[in-house]
């Protein structure tokens, strides 16, 4: 994602800090039998994000949206596997619930707070058994907030479900943390005059009277916040880009731009979106094979204030000037750093944003712009006197400053300085190993640091301390990556 952002935090309970489940309630079995799943996955930045005791394998989301009323109604079928014997478990959902069934049987449910849906199946669930959970719900997403965020982006003519670090609970029940990825299949019903865009590939569009249902399917698992849909009067273009690879792999692309954007911005936006396949191919030459089966982008007429790396199809506001192309490069880079390899915890966001910012500089370097090393050293010099910039510990910025400028810029400078410090061969081997070995999974900043030492054979503790943790500019030394 490319934006500034302020977030609110919650308090971390001792149970979550230890990664354990909630204590058994009176009348429930002891810890040796079925017990409740935790109400959070264990991320200290957002203790209620995700849930313990479950591994979601698939979401089949079927929603209808009423533009005039701002009302969304939906049915989501989750296929999940308990990781422990469960007497009950939680999902993350903000909308009012109408019915819950587990393996076809009506389940009990309560709302301990607005964000949590607590489900008690008719029988305890055994560890490892695969079950289906059907949740029916409806409400006005624009009325709900969580963690200081009010994320529903819509007006009477267009809607885009996009945000970070949270979005799913505004429109479907989820295990809402990047640590639990799942396949997502989405069907959206809206008036026939609206076009729906989502992740992955367009499967079908079925008209029934005054409405139409459009289905999108993403083949590769994704973090819940990366699932999205946009509905509105979109102009689209699509095609297939042939890879510059030995097997000549074709990559389908699909781009969309809102017709509510006035000219000439609409045409410029479409031209920009059409550059996405070429940028993907450039990124493949840097990082290795693109990790997904399709690509593209969406430009909305709404004003989210940021661009977001929705998996396979990033979403953008109307953009102008040189920064527009750089933003597309940034979001394409996130398909490797952020989408394919997600954060282990939200404190690790610097890895994704730093890598994407560095790849902006690398793109400029390979397209007649300033060399990335000159960009890094010039930025260091320009910001050397800014105590506020260097004061933030970017490898643990806290939930309120996850998207502060130093996370992006200092993170990006760290990657370039590391490139200079360990050399071209080891640096690109590091990046390709990271995104290759962890494809479809997640990783932490600590793990990236360890991999950099293993690949280079160097002790880099002082280097990473200087760039990520010290409250001052790194000294301009060769050991810190200066020429």
Protein backbone atom coordinates (compact mmCIF):
# COMPACT_ATOMS: atom_id res chain seq x y z
CA UNK A 1 0.00 0.00 0.00
CA UNK A 2 1.10 3.53 -0.66
CA UNK A 3 -0.31 6.08 1.79
CA UNK A 4 0.15 7.82 5.18
CA UNK A 5 -2.07 6.38 7.89
CA UNK A 6 -2.86 6.69 11.62
CA UNK A 7 -4.24 3.72 13.47
CA UNK A 8 -5.49 3.04 16.98
CA UNK A 9 -4.33 0.10 19.06
CA UNK A 10 -5.84 -2.19 21.64
CA UNK A 11 -4.36 -3.84 24.74
CA UNK A 12 -2.61 -7.21 24.51
CA UNK A 13 -3.88 -9.82 26.93
CA UNK A 14 -1.51 -12.30 28.52
CA UNK A 15 -3.33 -15.20 26.84
CA UNK A 16 -2.81 -13.70 23.39
CA UNK A 17 0.78 -12.83 24.11
CA UNK A 18 1.36 -16.50 24.83
CA UNK A 19 -0.60 -17.52 21.74
CA UNK A 20 -2.99 -19.65 23.84
CA UNK A 21 -6.75 -20.12 23.82
CA UNK A 22 -9.21 -18.43 26.10
CA UNK A 23 -9.84 -20.09 29.44
CA UNK A 24 -12.67 -22.62 29.58
CA UNK A 25 -15.98 -21.28 30.86
CA UNK A 26 -17.91 -22.96 33.68
CA UNK A 27 -19.59 -26.13 32.46
CA UNK A 28 -17.18 -26.66 29.57
CA UNK A 29 -14.73 -29.52 29.37
CA UNK A 30 -11.25 -29.23 30.78
CA UNK A 31 -8.26 -28.37 28.61
CA UNK A 32 -7.77 -32.03 27.70
CA UNK A 33 -11.13 -32.10 25.84
CA UNK A 34 -12.79 -29.67 23.43
CA UNK A 35 -12.19 -26.09 24.48
CA UNK A 36 -12.86 -22.61 23.08
CA UNK A 37 -10.70 -21.20 20.35
CA UNK A 38 -9.00 -17.91 21.18
CA UNK A 39 -10.67 -14.66 20.16
CA UNK A 40 -7.45 -13.50 18.47
CA UNK A 41 -4.61 -15.05 16.49
CA UNK A 42 -1.92 -13.55 18.74
CA UNK A 43 -0.77 -10.36 16.97
CA UNK A 44 0.06 -7.75 19.64
CA UNK A 45 -0.78 -4.83 17.34
CA UNK A 46 -4.42 -5.95 16.98
CA UNK A 47 -5.27 -8.54 19.64
CA UNK A 48 -8.76 -9.26 18.27
CA UNK A 49 -7.59 -9.87 14.69
CA UNK A 50 -7.94 -13.42 13.52
CA UNK A 51 -8.92 -16.28 15.78
CA UNK A 52 -7.31 -19.25 17.48
CA UNK A 53 -8.06 -22.91 16.86
CA UNK A 54 -9.03 -22.72 13.18
CA UNK A 55 -7.37 -22.80 9.78
CA UNK A 56 -9.65 -21.52 7.01
CA UNK A 57 -9.10 -23.25 3.68
CA UNK A 58 -11.71 -21.52 1.51
CA UNK A 59 -14.23 -18.68 1.44
CA UNK A 60 -17.24 -18.81 -0.90
CA UNK A 61 -18.70 -15.32 -0.57
CA UNK A 62 -22.07 -14.41 -2.11
CA UNK A 63 -23.19 -10.82 -1.50
CA UNK A 64 -25.75 -8.36 -2.86
CA UNK A 65 -25.35 -4.60 -2.59
CA UNK A 66 -28.11 -2.00 -2.58
CA UNK A 67 -26.56 1.32 -3.64
CA UNK A 68 -29.56 3.44 -2.67
CA UNK A 69 -29.67 2.12 0.89
CA UNK A 70 -25.97 1.34 1.31
CA UNK A 71 -27.01 -2.12 2.46
CA UNK A 72 -25.09 -5.35 1.91
CA UNK A 73 -26.62 -8.78 2.41
CA UNK A 74 -24.59 -11.92 2.13
CA UNK A 75 -24.05 -15.60 2.68
CA UNK A 76 -20.51 -16.87 3.17
CA UNK A 77 -19.52 -20.52 3.30
CA UNK A 78 -16.19 -21.13 5.02
CA UNK A 79 -14.35 -24.42 4.69
CA UNK A 80 -12.09 -24.75 7.71
CA UNK A 81 -10.06 -27.22 9.71
CA UNK A 82 -9.88 -27.00 13.51
CA UNK A 83 -6.31 -27.05 14.78
CA UNK A 84 -7.55 -28.22 18.21
CA UNK A 85 -10.65 -29.88 19.57
CA UNK A 86 -13.17 -27.02 19.72
CA UNK A 87 -16.22 -26.43 21.87
CA UNK A 88 -16.65 -23.05 20.14
CA UNK A 89 -14.71 -20.68 17.88
CA UNK A 90 -14.79 -17.10 16.65
CA UNK A 91 -14.89 -15.30 13.32
CA UNK A 92 -14.36 -11.61 12.60
CA UNK A 93 -17.47 -9.84 11.26
CA UNK A 94 -19.00 -6.42 11.83
CA UNK A 95 -22.39 -6.86 10.13
CA UNK A 96 -25.50 -8.19 11.93
CA UNK A 97 -25.87 -11.96 11.72
CA UNK A 98 -29.10 -13.77 10.79
CA UNK A 99 -28.16 -17.45 10.84
CA UNK A 100 -25.15 -19.76 11.39
CA UNK A 101 -24.84 -23.42 10.45
CA UNK A 102 -21.94 -25.84 10.88
CA UNK A 103 -21.98 -28.85 8.54
CA UNK A 104 -25.63 -28.09 7.78
CA UNK A 105 -26.77 -28.04 11.42
CA UNK A 106 -27.95 -24.88 13.11
CA UNK A 107 -25.28 -23.53 15.46
CA UNK A 108 -25.56 -21.26 18.44
CA UNK A 109 -23.92 -17.86 18.14
CA UNK A 110 -23.40 -14.73 20.18
CA UNK A 111 -21.77 -11.32 19.67
CA UNK A 112 -19.44 -10.69 22.63
CA UNK A 113 -18.60 -7.41 20.92
CA UNK A 114 -19.29 -5.80 17.56
CA UNK A 115 -16.20 -7.30 15.88
CA UNK A 116 -16.50 -10.91 17.10
CA UNK A 117 -18.91 -13.62 16.04
CA UNK A 118 -18.72 -16.47 18.56
CA UNK A 119 -20.03 -19.79 17.19
CA UNK A 120 -20.97 -22.85 19.23
CA UNK A 121 -21.57 -25.85 16.92
CA UNK A 122 -24.21 -28.45 17.76
CA UNK A 123 -21.40 -30.87 18.57
CA UNK A 124 -17.74 -30.27 19.46
CA UNK A 125 -15.34 -30.27 16.54
CA UNK A 126 -12.41 -32.67 16.43
CA UNK A 127 -8.94 -31.42 15.63
CA UNK A 128 -8.15 -31.93 11.96
CA UNK A 129 -11.67 -32.61 10.67
CA UNK A 130 -12.76 -30.40 7.76
CA UNK A 131 -16.09 -28.66 8.32
CA UNK A 132 -18.20 -26.08 6.51
CA UNK A 133 -19.56 -23.02 8.27
CA UNK A 134 -22.41 -21.07 6.67
CA UNK A 135 -23.07 -17.52 7.90
CA UNK A 136 -25.98 -15.38 6.69
CA UNK A 137 -25.82 -11.66 7.47
CA UNK A 138 -26.98 -8.22 6.35
CA UNK A 139 -26.47 -4.58 7.28
CA UNK A 140 -25.07 -1.21 6.29
CA UNK A 141 -21.26 -1.50 6.31
CA UNK A 142 -20.82 2.28 6.34
CA UNK A 143 -22.24 2.41 9.85
CA UNK A 144 -19.50 0.26 11.37
CA UNK A 145 -16.00 0.98 12.63
CA UNK A 146 -13.20 -1.08 14.16
CA UNK A 147 -9.74 -0.23 15.55
CA UNK A 148 -10.33 3.45 14.77
CA UNK A 149 -11.14 2.67 11.12
CA UNK A 150 -14.33 3.28 9.15
CA UNK A 151 -13.34 1.50 5.97
CA UNK A 152 -16.45 1.21 3.81
CA UNK A 153 -15.87 3.23 0.60
CA UNK A 154 -19.07 3.86 -1.35
CA UNK A 155 -21.55 6.38 -2.63
CA UNK A 156 -24.77 6.07 -4.61
CA UNK A 157 -22.97 5.06 -7.80
CA UNK A 158 -19.84 3.10 -6.89
CA UNK A 159 -18.44 0.87 -4.15
CA UNK A 160 -14.92 -0.47 -3.55
CA UNK A 161 -14.16 -2.86 -0.67
CA UNK A 162 -10.48 -2.03 -0.09
CA UNK A 163 -8.36 -1.18 2.92
CA UNK A 164 -5.43 -2.31 5.10
CA UNK A 165 -4.83 -3.79 7.63
CA UNK A 166 -8.57 -4.57 7.88
CA UNK A 167 -11.34 -4.88 5.31
CA UNK A 168 -12.93 -8.34 5.28
CA UNK A 169 -15.17 -7.92 8.39
CA UNK A 170 -17.08 -5.13 6.64
CA UNK A 171 -18.40 -7.58 4.03
CA UNK A 172 -17.69 -11.22 4.93
CA UNK A 173 -16.86 -13.28 8.06
CA UNK A 174 -13.17 -14.14 8.17
CA UNK A 175 -10.19 -15.31 10.14
CA UNK A 176 -8.85 -11.82 9.58
CA UNK A 177 -5.07 -12.00 9.72
CA UNK A 178 -2.44 -12.51 6.98
CA UNK A 179 -1.18 -15.56 8.84
CA UNK A 180 -4.24 -17.54 7.69
CA UNK A 181 -4.59 -17.49 3.89
CA UNK A 182 -7.38 -19.17 1.97
CA UNK A 183 -8.81 -19.48 -1.53
CA UNK A 184 -11.51 -16.86 -2.14
CA UNK A 185 -14.44 -17.20 -4.55
CA UNK A 186 -16.72 -14.14 -4.70
CA UNK A 187 -20.15 -13.61 -6.30
CA UNK A 188 -21.59 -10.08 -6.25
CA UNK A 189 -25.15 -9.14 -7.25
CA UNK A 190 -25.82 -5.52 -8.24
CA UNK A 191 -28.00 -3.69 -10.81
CA UNK A 192 -27.26 -4.71 -14.40
CA UNK A 193 -25.90 -1.24 -15.23
CA UNK A 194 -23.01 -1.82 -12.81
CA UNK A 195 -19.89 -3.83 -13.61
CA UNK A 196 -18.19 -5.87 -10.88
CA UNK A 197 -14.41 -6.37 -10.65
CA UNK A 198 -12.64 -8.70 -8.21
CA UNK A 199 -9.55 -10.82 -7.58
CA UNK A 200 -8.30 -13.49 -9.93
CA UNK A 201 -10.30 -14.36 -13.03
CA UNK A 202 -13.81 -13.51 -14.15
CA UNK A 203 -15.81 -16.76 -14.06
CA UNK A 204 -19.32 -15.69 -15.10
CA UNK A 205 -21.92 -12.94 -15.24
CA UNK A 206 -25.57 -13.97 -15.05
CA UNK A 207 -28.41 -11.50 -15.62
CA UNK A 208 -31.69 -12.06 -13.81
CA UNK A 209 -34.15 -9.25 -14.33
CA UNK A 210 -32.82 -5.90 -13.19
CA UNK A 211 -29.78 -7.35 -11.46
CA UNK A 212 -26.75 -9.38 -12.46
CA UNK A 213 -24.50 -11.71 -10.48
CA UNK A 214 -20.79 -11.63 -11.32
CA UNK A 215 -18.43 -14.28 -10.03
CA UNK A 216 -14.66 -13.90 -9.60
CA UNK A 217 -12.31 -16.67 -8.46
CA UNK A 218 -8.72 -16.40 -7.26
CA UNK A 219 -6.84 -19.67 -7.63
CA UNK A 220 -4.13 -18.89 -5.09
CA UNK A 221 -4.79 -18.44 -1.35
CA UNK A 222 -4.77 -14.89 -0.04
CA UNK A 223 -4.88 -12.92 3.20
CA UNK A 224 -8.47 -11.81 3.94
CA UNK A 225 -7.74 -8.07 3.70
CA UNK A 226 -6.52 -8.54 0.11
CA UNK A 227 -9.88 -9.89 -1.07
CA UNK A 228 -11.90 -7.11 -2.71
CA UNK A 229 -14.68 -6.21 -5.08
CA UNK A 230 -15.52 -3.01 -6.89
CA UNK A 231 -18.91 -2.29 -8.47
CA UNK A 232 -19.82 0.68 -10.59
CA UNK A 233 -19.90 2.03 -14.15
CA UNK A 234 -16.46 0.70 -15.09
CA UNK A 235 -14.84 0.73 -18.51
CA UNK A 236 -12.70 -2.38 -18.92
CA UNK A 237 -9.94 -3.71 -21.10
CA UNK A 238 -8.41 -7.15 -21.06
CA UNK A 239 -5.89 -9.27 -22.87
CA UNK A 240 -3.08 -11.79 -22.55
CA UNK A 241 0.58 -10.93 -22.19
CA UNK A 242 3.14 -13.47 -23.39
CA UNK A 243 5.94 -14.09 -20.94
CA UNK A 244 9.60 -13.75 -21.84
CA UNK A 245 10.22 -17.18 -20.36
CA UNK A 246 11.33 -20.48 -21.92
CA UNK A 247 7.82 -21.96 -21.61
CA UNK A 248 6.19 -18.83 -23.05
CA UNK A 249 3.65 -18.70 -20.22
CA UNK A 250 0.70 -16.43 -20.99
CA UNK A 251 -0.53 -14.04 -18.31
CA UNK A 252 -4.15 -12.84 -18.56
CA UNK A 253 -4.71 -9.20 -17.56
CA UNK A 254 -7.88 -7.27 -16.77
CA UNK A 255 -8.03 -3.54 -16.02
CA UNK A 256 -10.93 -1.23 -15.21
CA UNK A 257 -11.45 2.53 -14.87
CA UNK A 258 -14.57 4.23 -13.57
CA UNK A 259 -16.58 6.05 -16.25
CA UNK A 260 -17.41 8.66 -13.61
CA UNK A 261 -13.86 10.00 -13.90
CA UNK A 262 -14.01 12.98 -16.29
CA UNK A 263 -11.80 13.24 -19.35
CA UNK A 264 -8.87 13.52 -19.88
CA UNK A 265 -8.16 11.80 -16.54
CA UNK A 266 -10.19 8.74 -17.51
CA UNK A 267 -8.14 8.07 -20.65
CA UNK A 268 -4.89 8.72 -18.79
CA UNK A 269 -5.96 6.32 -16.05
CA UNK A 270 -6.73 3.59 -18.58
CA UNK A 271 -3.37 4.11 -20.30
CA UNK A 272 -1.70 3.78 -16.90
CA UNK A 273 -3.60 0.61 -15.99
CA UNK A 274 -2.62 -0.91 -19.35
CA UNK A 275 1.04 -0.59 -18.37
CA UNK A 276 0.56 -3.14 -15.58
CA UNK A 277 1.48 -6.28 -17.59
CA UNK A 278 4.76 -4.72 -18.76
CA UNK A 279 5.61 -3.71 -15.19
CA UNK A 280 4.86 -7.26 -14.02
CA UNK A 281 7.28 -8.62 -16.62
CA UNK A 282 9.94 -6.15 -15.49
CA UNK A 283 9.41 -7.24 -11.89
CA UNK A 284 9.76 -10.89 -12.92
CA UNK A 285 13.23 -10.11 -14.23
CA UNK A 286 14.13 -8.74 -10.80
CA UNK A 287 12.38 -11.23 -8.50
CA UNK A 288 11.49 -14.36 -10.44
CA UNK A 289 8.22 -15.74 -11.75
CA UNK A 290 5.05 -13.80 -11.01
CA UNK A 291 3.27 -15.71 -8.23
CA UNK A 292 -0.32 -15.51 -9.51
CA UNK A 293 -2.39 -16.53 -12.50
CA UNK A 294 -3.65 -13.10 -13.58
CA UNK A 295 -2.90 -9.41 -13.16
CA UNK A 296 -4.46 -6.00 -13.68
CA UNK A 297 -5.65 -2.92 -11.85
CA UNK A 298 -8.67 -0.76 -11.05
CA UNK A 299 -8.95 3.04 -10.89
CA UNK A 300 -11.95 4.22 -8.88
CA UNK A 301 -13.69 7.59 -8.99
CA UNK A 302 -13.98 7.47 -5.22
CA UNK A 303 -11.19 8.95 -3.08
CA UNK A 304 -9.65 6.33 -0.81
CA UNK A 305 -6.54 8.50 -0.34
CA UNK A 306 -4.21 5.60 -1.10
CA UNK A 307 -3.52 2.74 -3.50
CA UNK A 308 -3.77 -0.85 -2.30
CA UNK A 309 -2.20 -4.09 -3.51
CA UNK A 310 -5.36 -6.22 -3.69
CA UNK A 311 -4.08 -9.61 -4.82
CA UNK A 312 -3.81 -9.81 -8.64
CA UNK A 313 -5.66 -6.50 -9.10
CA UNK A 314 -4.46 -3.44 -7.15
CA UNK A 315 -6.87 -0.52 -6.74
CA UNK A 316 -5.91 3.12 -7.28
CA UNK A 317 -7.36 6.60 -6.92
CA UNK A 318 -7.08 9.00 -9.85
CA UNK A 319 -3.34 9.77 -10.09
CA UNK A 320 -1.28 12.37 -11.92
CA UNK A 321 2.32 13.00 -12.91
CA UNK A 322 5.46 10.90 -12.50
CA UNK A 323 4.29 9.54 -9.16
CA UNK A 324 1.43 7.71 -10.86
CA UNK A 325 3.72 5.23 -12.63
CA UNK A 326 5.85 4.82 -9.50
CA UNK A 327 2.70 3.92 -7.55
CA UNK A 328 1.82 1.18 -10.03
CA UNK A 329 5.37 -0.19 -9.71
CA UNK A 330 4.96 -0.10 -5.92
CA UNK A 331 1.69 -2.05 -5.94
CA UNK A 332 2.97 -4.58 -8.50
CA UNK A 333 6.02 -5.15 -6.28
CA UNK A 334 3.62 -5.95 -3.44
CA UNK A 335 2.34 -8.95 -5.38
CA UNK A 336 5.61 -10.62 -4.30
CA UNK A 337 6.31 -8.66 -1.09
CA UNK A 338 3.03 -8.54 0.82
CA UNK A 339 0.64 -10.73 -1.15
CA UNK A 340 2.55 -13.90 -2.02
CA UNK A 341 4.79 -13.50 1.04
CA UNK A 342 2.73 -11.80 3.72
CA UNK A 343 3.70 -10.39 7.09
CA UNK A 344 4.06 -12.80 9.96
CA UNK A 345 2.80 -10.00 12.23
CA UNK A 346 1.89 -6.40 11.50
CA UNK A 347 5.13 -5.14 13.07
CA UNK A 348 6.87 -6.65 10.00
CA UNK A 349 5.18 -4.24 7.59
CA UNK A 350 8.53 -2.54 6.87
CA UNK A 351 9.64 -5.58 4.85
CA UNK A 352 6.76 -5.20 2.40
CA UNK A 353 6.72 -1.42 2.20
CA UNK A 354 10.51 -1.12 2.20
CA UNK A 355 10.89 -3.64 -0.61
CA UNK A 356 8.17 -1.98 -2.70
CA UNK A 357 9.72 1.46 -2.18
CA UNK A 358 13.17 0.13 -3.11
CA UNK A 359 11.73 -1.41 -6.28
CA UNK A 360 10.34 2.00 -7.23
CA UNK A 361 13.92 3.28 -7.10
CA UNK A 362 15.16 0.23 -8.99
CA UNK A 363 12.56 0.78 -11.73
CA UNK A 364 13.69 4.39 -12.13
CA UNK A 365 17.31 3.24 -12.25
CA UNK A 366 16.57 0.77 -15.06
CA UNK A 367 14.49 3.28 -17.04
CA UNK A 368 16.91 6.18 -17.39
CA UNK A 369 16.42 7.67 -13.93
CA UNK A 370 18.68 8.28 -10.95
CA UNK A 371 20.66 5.21 -9.77
CA UNK A 372 19.14 3.71 -6.63
CA UNK A 373 22.36 4.24 -4.69
CA UNK A 374 22.31 7.94 -5.48
CA UNK A 375 18.65 8.06 -4.43
CA UNK A 376 19.48 6.39 -1.11
CA UNK A 377 22.46 8.59 -0.31
CA UNK A 378 20.68 11.75 -1.42
CA UNK A 379 17.63 10.96 0.68
CA UNK A 380 19.86 10.20 3.66
CA UNK A 381 21.57 13.57 3.29
CA UNK A 382 18.31 15.47 2.83
CA UNK A 383 16.75 13.93 5.95
CA UNK A 384 19.85 13.82 8.15
CA UNK A 385 18.60 16.71 10.29
CA UNK A 386 15.07 15.36 10.79
CA UNK A 387 14.87 13.89 14.29
CA UNK A 388 11.24 12.90 13.74
CA UNK A 389 12.11 10.81 10.67
CA UNK A 390 14.89 8.85 12.38
CA UNK A 391 13.22 8.56 15.76
CA UNK A 392 10.77 5.86 14.60
CA UNK A 393 11.89 2.26 14.97
CA UNK A 394 10.71 0.97 11.60
CA UNK A 395 10.92 -2.74 12.46
CA UNK A 396 8.40 -2.16 15.26
CA UNK A 397 6.60 1.13 14.56
CA UNK A 398 3.49 0.37 16.59
CA UNK A 399 -0.06 0.16 15.25
CA UNK A 400 -0.52 3.93 15.19
CA UNK A 401 2.48 4.49 12.88
CA UNK A 402 2.50 1.37 10.71
CA UNK A 403 2.09 3.50 7.60
CA UNK A 404 4.27 6.44 8.57
CA UNK A 405 6.71 7.74 5.96
CA UNK A 406 9.87 6.30 7.62
CA UNK A 407 8.47 2.75 7.32
CA UNK A 408 8.40 3.23 3.56
CA UNK A 409 11.38 5.48 2.93
CA UNK A 410 13.80 4.28 5.60
CA UNK A 411 12.70 0.73 4.79
CA UNK A 412 13.45 1.28 1.11
CA UNK A 413 16.81 2.88 1.89
CA UNK A 414 17.65 -0.18 4.01
CA UNK A 415 17.18 -2.47 1.02
CA UNK A 416 19.39 -0.34 -1.21
CA UNK A 417 22.06 0.02 1.48
CA UNK A 418 22.01 -3.75 1.93
CA UNK A 419 22.46 -4.15 -1.83
CA UNK A 420 25.56 -1.96 -1.68
CA UNK A 421 26.87 -3.69 1.45
CA UNK A 422 26.60 -7.35 0.34
CA UNK A 423 26.92 -6.90 -3.43
CA UNK A 424 24.67 -7.48 -6.43
CA UNK A 425 24.85 -11.27 -6.58
CA UNK A 426 24.08 -11.90 -2.93
CA UNK A 427 21.43 -9.17 -2.78
CA UNK A 428 19.34 -10.46 -5.68
CA UNK A 429 19.83 -14.04 -4.47
CA UNK A 430 18.44 -12.89 -1.12
CA UNK A 431 15.32 -11.32 -2.64
CA UNK A 432 14.63 -14.25 -4.96
CA UNK A 433 15.17 -16.78 -2.19
CA UNK A 434 12.81 -14.87 0.11
CA UNK A 435 9.94 -14.68 -2.37
CA UNK A 436 10.63 -18.14 -3.80
CA UNK A 437 10.96 -20.19 -0.63
CA UNK A 438 8.10 -18.40 1.15
CA UNK A 439 5.70 -18.12 -1.80
CA UNK A 440 2.13 -18.46 -0.58
CA UNK A 441 3.22 -18.06 3.05
CA UNK A 442 4.54 -15.35 5.31
CA UNK A 443 7.72 -14.11 6.95
CA UNK A 444 9.04 -11.74 9.59
CA UNK A 445 11.68 -9.05 9.56
CA UNK A 446 13.80 -11.13 11.92
CA UNK A 447 13.69 -13.99 9.42
CA UNK A 448 14.68 -11.70 6.57
CA UNK A 449 17.66 -10.43 8.55
CA UNK A 450 18.75 -14.02 9.29
CA UNK A 451 18.43 -14.96 5.62
CA UNK A 452 20.54 -11.96 4.59
CA UNK A 453 23.32 -13.14 6.90
CA UNK A 454 23.07 -16.70 5.64
CA UNK A 455 23.14 -15.71 1.96
CA UNK A 456 25.98 -13.20 2.34
CA UNK A 457 27.98 -15.01 5.00
CA UNK A 458 28.34 -11.69 6.86
CA UNK A 459 27.46 -10.51 10.34
CA UNK A 460 24.83 -7.82 9.65
CA UNK A 461 23.57 -7.12 13.16
CA UNK A 462 25.15 -3.67 13.33
CA UNK A 463 23.94 -2.84 9.83
CA UNK A 464 20.30 -3.62 10.60
CA UNK A 465 20.52 -1.92 13.99
CA UNK A 466 21.72 1.25 12.29
CA UNK A 467 19.08 1.24 9.57
CA UNK A 468 16.02 -0.10 11.38
CA UNK A 469 16.38 0.54 15.07
CA UNK A 470 18.78 3.35 15.97
CA UNK A 471 17.10 6.74 16.60
CA UNK A 472 19.60 8.59 14.40
CA UNK A 473 20.83 8.56 10.79
CA UNK A 474 23.23 5.70 9.99
CA UNK A 475 26.84 6.82 9.77
CA UNK A 476 28.02 7.25 6.18
CA UNK A 477 30.32 4.23 6.20
CA UNK A 478 30.90 1.31 3.86
CA UNK A 479 29.67 -1.01 6.59
CA UNK A 480 26.33 0.81 6.45
CA UNK A 481 26.09 0.55 2.68
CA UNK A 482 27.54 3.87 1.53
CA UNK A 483 29.81 3.99 -1.48
